[in-house]
N, C-alpha and C. Protein backbone atom coordinates (compact mmCIF):
# COMPACT_ATOMS: atom_id res chain seq x y z
N ASN A 1 2.31 13.01 -8.22
CA ASN A 1 3.12 13.08 -7.02
C ASN A 1 2.20 13.28 -5.83
N TYR A 2 2.50 12.64 -4.72
CA TYR A 2 1.63 12.68 -3.55
C TYR A 2 2.46 12.84 -2.28
N HIS A 3 1.95 13.60 -1.36
CA HIS A 3 2.57 13.71 -0.04
C HIS A 3 1.52 13.35 1.00
N MET A 4 1.69 12.17 1.59
CA MET A 4 0.75 11.67 2.61
C MET A 4 0.87 12.52 3.86
N PRO A 5 -0.25 12.92 4.42
CA PRO A 5 -0.17 13.60 5.72
C PRO A 5 0.55 12.70 6.73
N CYS A 6 1.37 13.29 7.53
CA CYS A 6 2.13 12.52 8.53
C CYS A 6 1.24 12.30 9.74
N ALA A 7 0.22 11.47 9.56
CA ALA A 7 -0.78 11.21 10.60
C ALA A 7 -0.56 9.83 11.21
N PHE A 8 0.69 9.51 11.53
CA PHE A 8 1.02 8.20 12.08
C PHE A 8 0.26 7.92 13.37
N TYR A 9 -0.20 8.97 14.04
CA TYR A 9 -0.98 8.84 15.27
C TYR A 9 -2.42 8.41 14.98
N ALA A 10 -2.83 8.44 13.71
CA ALA A 10 -4.19 8.04 13.29
C ALA A 10 -4.08 7.09 12.10
N PRO A 11 -3.64 5.85 12.33
CA PRO A 11 -3.38 4.94 11.21
C PRO A 11 -4.60 4.64 10.34
N LYS A 12 -5.79 4.68 10.89
CA LYS A 12 -6.99 4.44 10.06
C LYS A 12 -7.19 5.57 9.06
N VAL A 13 -6.85 6.78 9.46
CA VAL A 13 -6.91 7.93 8.55
C VAL A 13 -5.89 7.74 7.42
N MET A 14 -4.72 7.24 7.76
CA MET A 14 -3.70 7.00 6.74
C MET A 14 -4.15 5.89 5.78
N THR A 15 -4.83 4.89 6.29
CA THR A 15 -5.37 3.83 5.43
C THR A 15 -6.33 4.42 4.41
N ILE A 16 -7.23 5.28 4.88
CA ILE A 16 -8.21 5.90 3.98
C ILE A 16 -7.51 6.79 2.96
N HIS A 17 -6.55 7.61 3.41
CA HIS A 17 -5.79 8.46 2.48
C HIS A 17 -5.07 7.63 1.43
N THR A 18 -4.46 6.55 1.86
CA THR A 18 -3.71 5.68 0.95
C THR A 18 -4.62 5.17 -0.16
N GLU A 19 -5.75 4.63 0.22
CA GLU A 19 -6.67 4.05 -0.77
C GLU A 19 -7.25 5.14 -1.67
N MET A 20 -7.60 6.30 -1.09
CA MET A 20 -8.18 7.39 -1.88
C MET A 20 -7.19 7.93 -2.91
N ALA A 21 -5.92 8.09 -2.52
CA ALA A 21 -4.90 8.60 -3.46
C ALA A 21 -4.72 7.63 -4.61
N ALA A 22 -4.61 6.34 -4.31
CA ALA A 22 -4.45 5.33 -5.36
C ALA A 22 -5.66 5.30 -6.28
N ARG A 23 -6.84 5.27 -5.69
CA ARG A 23 -8.07 5.21 -6.49
C ARG A 23 -8.21 6.47 -7.36
N HIS A 24 -7.84 7.63 -6.81
CA HIS A 24 -7.98 8.88 -7.55
C HIS A 24 -7.10 8.88 -8.80
N VAL A 25 -5.82 8.50 -8.65
CA VAL A 25 -4.94 8.50 -9.82
C VAL A 25 -5.39 7.43 -10.82
N GLN A 26 -5.89 6.31 -10.34
CA GLN A 26 -6.37 5.27 -11.25
C GLN A 26 -7.61 5.74 -12.01
N THR A 27 -8.47 6.48 -11.35
CA THR A 27 -9.65 7.04 -12.01
C THR A 27 -9.24 8.06 -13.06
N LEU A 28 -8.30 8.95 -12.71
CA LEU A 28 -7.83 9.95 -13.66
C LEU A 28 -7.17 9.29 -14.87
N ALA A 29 -6.39 8.24 -14.64
CA ALA A 29 -5.68 7.57 -15.73
C ALA A 29 -6.61 6.76 -16.62
N GLY A 30 -7.70 6.26 -16.06
CA GLY A 30 -8.58 5.40 -16.85
C GLY A 30 -7.83 4.17 -17.31
N ASP A 31 -7.75 3.95 -18.63
CA ASP A 31 -7.04 2.80 -19.19
C ASP A 31 -5.58 3.11 -19.51
N MET A 32 -5.14 4.30 -19.18
CA MET A 32 -3.76 4.70 -19.51
C MET A 32 -2.79 4.30 -18.39
N PRO A 33 -1.53 4.07 -18.72
CA PRO A 33 -0.52 3.77 -17.70
C PRO A 33 -0.36 4.97 -16.76
N TYR A 34 0.02 4.70 -15.53
CA TYR A 34 0.21 5.79 -14.57
C TYR A 34 1.36 5.48 -13.63
N ILE A 35 1.85 6.55 -13.01
CA ILE A 35 2.89 6.48 -11.99
C ILE A 35 2.41 7.35 -10.85
N LEU A 36 2.51 6.84 -9.64
CA LEU A 36 2.12 7.60 -8.45
C LEU A 36 3.29 7.54 -7.47
N ALA A 37 4.02 8.64 -7.38
CA ALA A 37 5.23 8.67 -6.57
C ALA A 37 5.10 9.74 -5.49
N GLY A 38 5.95 9.64 -4.48
CA GLY A 38 5.99 10.69 -3.49
C GLY A 38 6.43 10.23 -2.13
N ASP A 39 6.24 11.13 -1.18
CA ASP A 39 6.52 10.88 0.24
C ASP A 39 5.24 10.35 0.85
N TRP A 40 5.20 9.05 1.05
CA TRP A 40 3.98 8.40 1.53
C TRP A 40 3.89 8.33 3.05
N ASN A 41 4.98 8.59 3.74
CA ASN A 41 4.99 8.49 5.21
C ASN A 41 4.50 7.15 5.70
N ILE A 42 4.76 6.10 4.92
CA ILE A 42 4.44 4.73 5.32
C ILE A 42 5.69 3.88 5.12
N LYS A 43 5.81 2.86 5.92
CA LYS A 43 6.97 1.97 5.86
C LYS A 43 6.65 0.76 4.98
N PRO A 44 7.69 0.11 4.42
CA PRO A 44 7.44 -1.02 3.51
C PRO A 44 6.75 -2.21 4.16
N TYR A 45 6.75 -2.29 5.44
CA TYR A 45 6.11 -3.42 6.13
C TYR A 45 4.78 -3.00 6.77
N SER A 46 4.27 -1.83 6.37
CA SER A 46 3.04 -1.31 6.97
C SER A 46 1.79 -1.82 6.26
N THR A 47 0.67 -1.67 6.94
CA THR A 47 -0.63 -2.03 6.36
C THR A 47 -0.90 -1.22 5.10
N SER A 48 -0.60 0.08 5.12
CA SER A 48 -0.88 0.93 3.95
C SER A 48 -0.05 0.50 2.75
N TYR A 49 1.20 0.12 2.97
CA TYR A 49 2.04 -0.36 1.87
C TYR A 49 1.43 -1.65 1.29
N GLN A 50 1.01 -2.55 2.15
CA GLN A 50 0.38 -3.78 1.69
C GLN A 50 -0.90 -3.48 0.91
N LEU A 51 -1.66 -2.49 1.37
CA LEU A 51 -2.88 -2.09 0.67
C LEU A 51 -2.54 -1.58 -0.73
N LEU A 52 -1.50 -0.76 -0.86
CA LEU A 52 -1.11 -0.23 -2.16
C LEU A 52 -0.61 -1.33 -3.10
N THR A 53 0.12 -2.27 -2.58
CA THR A 53 0.75 -3.27 -3.44
C THR A 53 -0.09 -4.53 -3.68
N THR A 54 -1.10 -4.75 -2.85
CA THR A 54 -1.96 -5.93 -3.05
C THR A 54 -3.41 -5.54 -3.32
N GLY A 55 -3.80 -4.33 -2.94
CA GLY A 55 -5.19 -3.91 -3.06
C GLY A 55 -6.06 -4.46 -1.95
N LEU A 56 -5.44 -5.13 -0.98
CA LEU A 56 -6.19 -5.82 0.07
C LEU A 56 -5.79 -5.34 1.46
N ILE A 57 -6.73 -5.45 2.37
CA ILE A 57 -6.47 -5.23 3.79
C ILE A 57 -7.43 -6.13 4.55
N ASP A 58 -6.92 -6.83 5.51
CA ASP A 58 -7.73 -7.75 6.31
C ASP A 58 -8.66 -6.95 7.21
N ARG A 59 -9.92 -7.36 7.26
CA ARG A 59 -10.90 -6.66 8.11
C ARG A 59 -10.52 -6.69 9.58
N GLY A 60 -9.73 -7.66 9.99
CA GLY A 60 -9.29 -7.75 11.37
C GLY A 60 -8.06 -6.91 11.67
N ASP A 61 -7.49 -6.27 10.64
CA ASP A 61 -6.31 -5.43 10.84
C ASP A 61 -6.70 -4.22 11.69
N PRO A 62 -5.90 -3.88 12.71
CA PRO A 62 -6.24 -2.73 13.55
C PRO A 62 -6.28 -1.41 12.80
N GLU A 63 -5.74 -1.37 11.57
CA GLU A 63 -5.77 -0.14 10.78
C GLU A 63 -6.93 -0.10 9.78
N TYR A 64 -7.79 -1.12 9.83
CA TYR A 64 -8.98 -1.16 8.97
C TYR A 64 -10.03 -0.21 9.54
N PRO A 65 -10.49 0.78 8.77
CA PRO A 65 -11.49 1.72 9.29
C PRO A 65 -12.81 1.02 9.60
N GLU A 66 -13.35 1.30 10.80
CA GLU A 66 -14.60 0.66 11.15
C GLU A 66 -15.79 1.44 10.56
N PRO A 67 -16.93 0.75 10.42
CA PRO A 67 -18.12 1.41 9.86
C PRO A 67 -18.54 2.61 10.71
N ARG A 68 -18.97 3.66 10.05
CA ARG A 68 -19.45 4.87 10.73
C ARG A 68 -20.73 5.32 10.05
N TRP A 69 -21.69 5.73 10.86
CA TRP A 69 -22.94 6.30 10.38
C TRP A 69 -23.59 5.43 9.32
N GLY A 70 -23.51 4.12 9.52
CA GLY A 70 -24.16 3.18 8.61
C GLY A 70 -23.42 2.95 7.31
N MET A 71 -22.21 3.51 7.20
CA MET A 71 -21.42 3.33 5.97
C MET A 71 -20.22 2.45 6.26
N GLU A 72 -20.00 1.50 5.39
CA GLU A 72 -18.87 0.58 5.52
C GLU A 72 -17.79 0.97 4.51
N TRP A 73 -16.55 1.09 4.97
CA TRP A 73 -15.43 1.39 4.09
C TRP A 73 -14.88 0.08 3.54
N LYS A 74 -14.53 0.08 2.29
CA LYS A 74 -13.81 -1.06 1.73
C LYS A 74 -12.96 -0.56 0.58
N PRO A 75 -11.78 -1.14 0.43
CA PRO A 75 -10.87 -0.67 -0.62
C PRO A 75 -11.33 -1.10 -2.00
N THR A 76 -11.15 -0.20 -2.97
CA THR A 76 -11.50 -0.52 -4.35
C THR A 76 -10.36 -0.23 -5.32
N ALA A 77 -9.26 0.35 -4.82
CA ALA A 77 -8.12 0.65 -5.68
C ALA A 77 -7.44 -0.64 -6.12
N LYS A 78 -6.92 -0.61 -7.35
CA LYS A 78 -6.18 -1.75 -7.87
C LYS A 78 -4.76 -1.74 -7.29
N PRO A 79 -4.17 -2.91 -7.13
CA PRO A 79 -2.79 -2.96 -6.62
C PRO A 79 -1.82 -2.30 -7.60
N MET A 80 -0.76 -1.74 -7.04
CA MET A 80 0.31 -1.15 -7.82
C MET A 80 1.63 -1.82 -7.44
N ARG A 81 2.64 -1.63 -8.26
CA ARG A 81 3.95 -2.19 -7.99
C ARG A 81 4.91 -1.07 -7.60
N SER A 82 5.77 -1.35 -6.65
CA SER A 82 6.81 -0.39 -6.28
C SER A 82 8.00 -0.59 -7.20
N ALA A 83 8.48 0.50 -7.80
CA ALA A 83 9.62 0.40 -8.72
C ALA A 83 10.83 -0.21 -8.04
N TYR A 84 11.13 0.23 -6.82
CA TYR A 84 12.30 -0.32 -6.13
C TYR A 84 12.11 -1.79 -5.77
N ALA A 85 10.92 -2.16 -5.32
CA ALA A 85 10.66 -3.56 -4.97
C ALA A 85 10.78 -4.44 -6.21
N GLN A 86 10.46 -3.89 -7.39
CA GLN A 86 10.55 -4.66 -8.64
C GLN A 86 11.99 -4.76 -9.15
N SER A 87 12.86 -3.92 -8.65
CA SER A 87 14.24 -3.91 -9.12
C SER A 87 15.06 -4.97 -8.39
N GLU A 88 16.28 -5.18 -8.85
CA GLU A 88 17.17 -6.13 -8.18
C GLU A 88 17.63 -5.63 -6.82
N HIS A 89 17.44 -4.33 -6.55
CA HIS A 89 17.89 -3.75 -5.29
C HIS A 89 16.87 -3.91 -4.16
N GLY A 90 15.60 -4.04 -4.49
CA GLY A 90 14.56 -4.09 -3.47
C GLY A 90 14.31 -2.71 -2.88
N GLU A 91 13.38 -2.63 -1.94
CA GLU A 91 13.10 -1.34 -1.31
C GLU A 91 14.38 -0.82 -0.65
N PRO A 92 14.58 0.48 -0.66
CA PRO A 92 15.79 1.06 -0.08
C PRO A 92 15.91 0.80 1.42
N ASP A 93 17.14 0.84 1.90
CA ASP A 93 17.43 0.74 3.33
C ASP A 93 16.76 1.90 4.07
N PHE A 94 16.77 3.07 3.46
CA PHE A 94 16.07 4.23 4.00
C PHE A 94 15.90 5.26 2.90
N THR A 95 14.90 6.11 3.05
CA THR A 95 14.76 7.29 2.19
C THR A 95 14.59 8.54 3.04
N ASN A 96 14.46 8.37 4.33
CA ASN A 96 14.28 9.49 5.25
C ASN A 96 15.16 9.29 6.47
N TYR A 97 15.92 10.32 6.80
CA TYR A 97 16.82 10.27 7.95
C TYR A 97 16.72 11.63 8.61
N ALA A 98 15.98 11.68 9.70
CA ALA A 98 15.70 12.96 10.35
C ALA A 98 16.00 12.87 11.85
N ARG A 99 16.25 14.03 12.41
CA ARG A 99 16.45 14.11 13.86
C ARG A 99 15.92 15.44 14.33
N VAL A 100 15.13 15.39 15.38
CA VAL A 100 14.58 16.60 15.98
C VAL A 100 15.24 16.78 17.34
N ARG A 101 15.94 17.87 17.46
CA ARG A 101 16.66 18.21 18.70
C ARG A 101 17.51 17.04 19.18
N GLU A 102 17.33 16.63 20.39
CA GLU A 102 18.15 15.56 20.97
C GLU A 102 17.48 14.19 20.93
N SER A 103 16.34 14.09 20.27
CA SER A 103 15.66 12.79 20.19
C SER A 103 16.44 11.83 19.30
N GLU A 104 16.10 10.57 19.40
CA GLU A 104 16.73 9.56 18.55
C GLU A 104 16.37 9.84 17.09
N PRO A 105 17.28 9.61 16.17
CA PRO A 105 16.97 9.84 14.75
C PRO A 105 15.87 8.89 14.27
N PHE A 106 15.10 9.37 13.31
CA PHE A 106 14.13 8.53 12.61
C PHE A 106 14.77 8.16 11.29
N ILE A 107 14.87 6.86 11.02
CA ILE A 107 15.49 6.37 9.79
C ILE A 107 14.61 5.25 9.24
N ASP A 108 14.03 5.46 8.06
CA ASP A 108 13.23 4.40 7.45
C ASP A 108 12.90 4.78 6.01
N THR A 109 12.26 3.89 5.31
CA THR A 109 11.82 4.12 3.94
C THR A 109 10.40 4.66 3.96
N LEU A 110 10.21 5.85 3.39
CA LEU A 110 8.91 6.50 3.33
C LEU A 110 8.51 6.93 1.92
N ASP A 111 9.46 6.90 0.99
CA ASP A 111 9.25 7.42 -0.36
C ASP A 111 9.21 6.28 -1.37
N TYR A 112 8.29 6.37 -2.32
CA TYR A 112 8.07 5.27 -3.26
C TYR A 112 7.68 5.80 -4.63
N ILE A 113 7.90 4.94 -5.62
CA ILE A 113 7.42 5.16 -6.98
C ILE A 113 6.53 3.97 -7.29
N PHE A 114 5.22 4.19 -7.27
CA PHE A 114 4.27 3.12 -7.55
C PHE A 114 3.83 3.18 -9.01
N LEU A 115 3.65 2.00 -9.61
CA LEU A 115 3.42 1.89 -11.05
C LEU A 115 2.23 1.01 -11.38
N SER A 116 1.60 1.34 -12.50
CA SER A 116 0.62 0.41 -13.06
C SER A 116 1.38 -0.69 -13.79
N ASP A 117 0.68 -1.74 -14.18
CA ASP A 117 1.32 -2.93 -14.74
C ASP A 117 1.98 -2.71 -16.10
N GLU A 118 1.67 -1.59 -16.78
CA GLU A 118 2.21 -1.37 -18.13
C GLU A 118 3.69 -0.96 -18.12
N TRP A 119 4.23 -0.66 -16.95
CA TRP A 119 5.61 -0.19 -16.86
C TRP A 119 6.57 -1.32 -16.53
N LYS A 120 7.71 -1.30 -17.19
CA LYS A 120 8.81 -2.21 -16.87
C LYS A 120 9.89 -1.38 -16.17
N VAL A 121 10.39 -1.88 -15.07
CA VAL A 121 11.47 -1.20 -14.35
C VAL A 121 12.79 -1.62 -14.99
N VAL A 122 13.45 -0.67 -15.63
CA VAL A 122 14.75 -0.92 -16.25
C VAL A 122 15.84 -0.87 -15.18
N ASP A 123 15.79 0.16 -14.35
CA ASP A 123 16.76 0.31 -13.26
C ASP A 123 16.23 1.36 -12.29
N VAL A 124 16.83 1.40 -11.13
CA VAL A 124 16.51 2.43 -10.14
C VAL A 124 17.82 3.07 -9.66
N LYS A 125 17.70 4.28 -9.17
CA LYS A 125 18.87 4.97 -8.62
C LYS A 125 19.36 4.22 -7.40
N LYS A 126 20.64 3.87 -7.41
CA LYS A 126 21.24 3.19 -6.26
C LYS A 126 21.37 4.20 -5.13
N LEU A 127 20.96 3.80 -3.94
CA LEU A 127 20.99 4.68 -2.79
C LEU A 127 22.01 4.18 -1.78
N VAL A 128 22.53 5.11 -1.01
CA VAL A 128 23.49 4.73 0.03
C VAL A 128 22.76 4.02 1.16
N LYS A 129 23.50 3.23 1.91
CA LYS A 129 22.97 2.60 3.12
C LYS A 129 23.02 3.63 4.24
N ARG A 130 22.22 3.42 5.26
CA ARG A 130 22.13 4.41 6.34
C ARG A 130 23.47 4.70 7.00
N GLU A 131 24.32 3.68 7.15
CA GLU A 131 25.61 3.91 7.82
C GLU A 131 26.57 4.71 6.94
N GLU A 132 26.30 4.79 5.64
CA GLU A 132 27.14 5.56 4.71
C GLU A 132 26.61 6.96 4.47
N SER A 133 25.45 7.28 5.04
CA SER A 133 24.73 8.50 4.67
C SER A 133 25.25 9.78 5.32
N GLY A 134 25.99 9.66 6.40
CA GLY A 134 26.47 10.87 7.07
C GLY A 134 25.50 11.41 8.09
N GLY A 135 24.48 10.65 8.41
CA GLY A 135 23.59 11.06 9.49
C GLY A 135 22.38 11.86 9.05
N PRO A 136 21.69 12.43 10.02
CA PRO A 136 20.48 13.18 9.68
C PRO A 136 20.75 14.23 8.61
N PHE A 137 19.75 14.50 7.83
CA PHE A 137 19.83 15.42 6.69
C PHE A 137 20.97 14.98 5.77
N PRO A 138 20.82 13.81 5.15
CA PRO A 138 21.90 13.19 4.39
C PRO A 138 22.30 13.94 3.13
N ASN A 139 21.61 15.02 2.78
CA ASN A 139 21.93 15.75 1.55
C ASN A 139 22.64 17.07 1.80
N LEU A 140 23.01 17.36 3.02
CA LEU A 140 23.62 18.66 3.31
C LEU A 140 24.90 18.90 2.51
N ASN A 141 25.66 17.86 2.24
CA ASN A 141 26.88 18.05 1.44
C ASN A 141 26.56 18.42 -0.01
N PHE A 142 25.29 18.25 -0.43
CA PHE A 142 24.85 18.68 -1.76
C PHE A 142 24.05 19.97 -1.67
N HIS A 143 24.10 20.63 -0.52
CA HIS A 143 23.38 21.89 -0.27
C HIS A 143 21.87 21.71 -0.44
N GLU A 144 21.38 20.55 -0.06
CA GLU A 144 19.95 20.25 -0.08
C GLU A 144 19.51 20.01 1.36
N PRO A 145 18.81 20.94 1.95
CA PRO A 145 18.42 20.78 3.36
C PRO A 145 17.17 19.90 3.53
N SER A 146 17.22 18.70 3.03
CA SER A 146 16.09 17.79 3.14
C SER A 146 16.48 16.58 3.97
N ASP A 147 15.50 16.04 4.67
CA ASP A 147 15.74 14.79 5.40
C ASP A 147 15.42 13.58 4.54
N HIS A 148 15.08 13.79 3.27
CA HIS A 148 14.80 12.70 2.33
C HIS A 148 15.91 12.63 1.30
N VAL A 149 16.19 11.41 0.83
CA VAL A 149 17.12 11.24 -0.28
C VAL A 149 16.31 11.15 -1.57
N LEU A 150 16.95 11.50 -2.67
CA LEU A 150 16.30 11.45 -3.97
C LEU A 150 16.18 10.01 -4.44
N ILE A 151 14.98 9.64 -4.85
CA ILE A 151 14.77 8.33 -5.47
C ILE A 151 14.44 8.56 -6.93
N ALA A 152 14.76 7.59 -7.77
CA ALA A 152 14.50 7.73 -9.21
C ALA A 152 14.47 6.34 -9.83
N ALA A 153 13.76 6.25 -10.95
CA ALA A 153 13.68 4.98 -11.69
C ALA A 153 13.69 5.24 -13.18
N ASP A 154 14.38 4.36 -13.91
CA ASP A 154 14.30 4.33 -15.36
C ASP A 154 13.22 3.31 -15.70
N LEU A 155 12.22 3.76 -16.43
CA LEU A 155 11.07 2.92 -16.75
C LEU A 155 10.89 2.81 -18.25
N LYS A 156 10.28 1.74 -18.68
CA LYS A 156 9.97 1.55 -20.09
C LYS A 156 8.52 1.11 -20.19
N LEU A 157 7.80 1.78 -21.06
CA LEU A 157 6.40 1.42 -21.28
C LEU A 157 6.36 0.15 -22.12
N GLN A 158 5.70 -0.87 -21.61
CA GLN A 158 5.66 -2.17 -22.32
C GLN A 158 4.54 -2.20 -23.34
């Protein structure tokens, strides 16, 4: 399980964190199947999501870390699959619905279940659409004071 620092103001730092988290779990797993899930604080159309799911990032991408002190960064983590993207439902409409004071609500997908190739996605927990969620903190009726909804997947080792 991983919780990405919410460093949206420093996207190159998030790129490095993304690759390091993926590479770390892959190193720990070795040849064994693995699952890396959590609050990634990245959107499905972001550079970091593409890095996780393809293992690639274009050097011209503004979120590509530039060389420092004579060292060049390059990704080495293997691509992973998102359980929801692999399902018939696709990535959720949202997994986070938050509001701070009177500001506009933040609503987007930030939570994922990433898998190595040995896993088959049998099904995923169906999630409500944002208009059905009841607004910020969508779990209050379940006495859960979280701005995230629960995601889950039924998996089978192939």
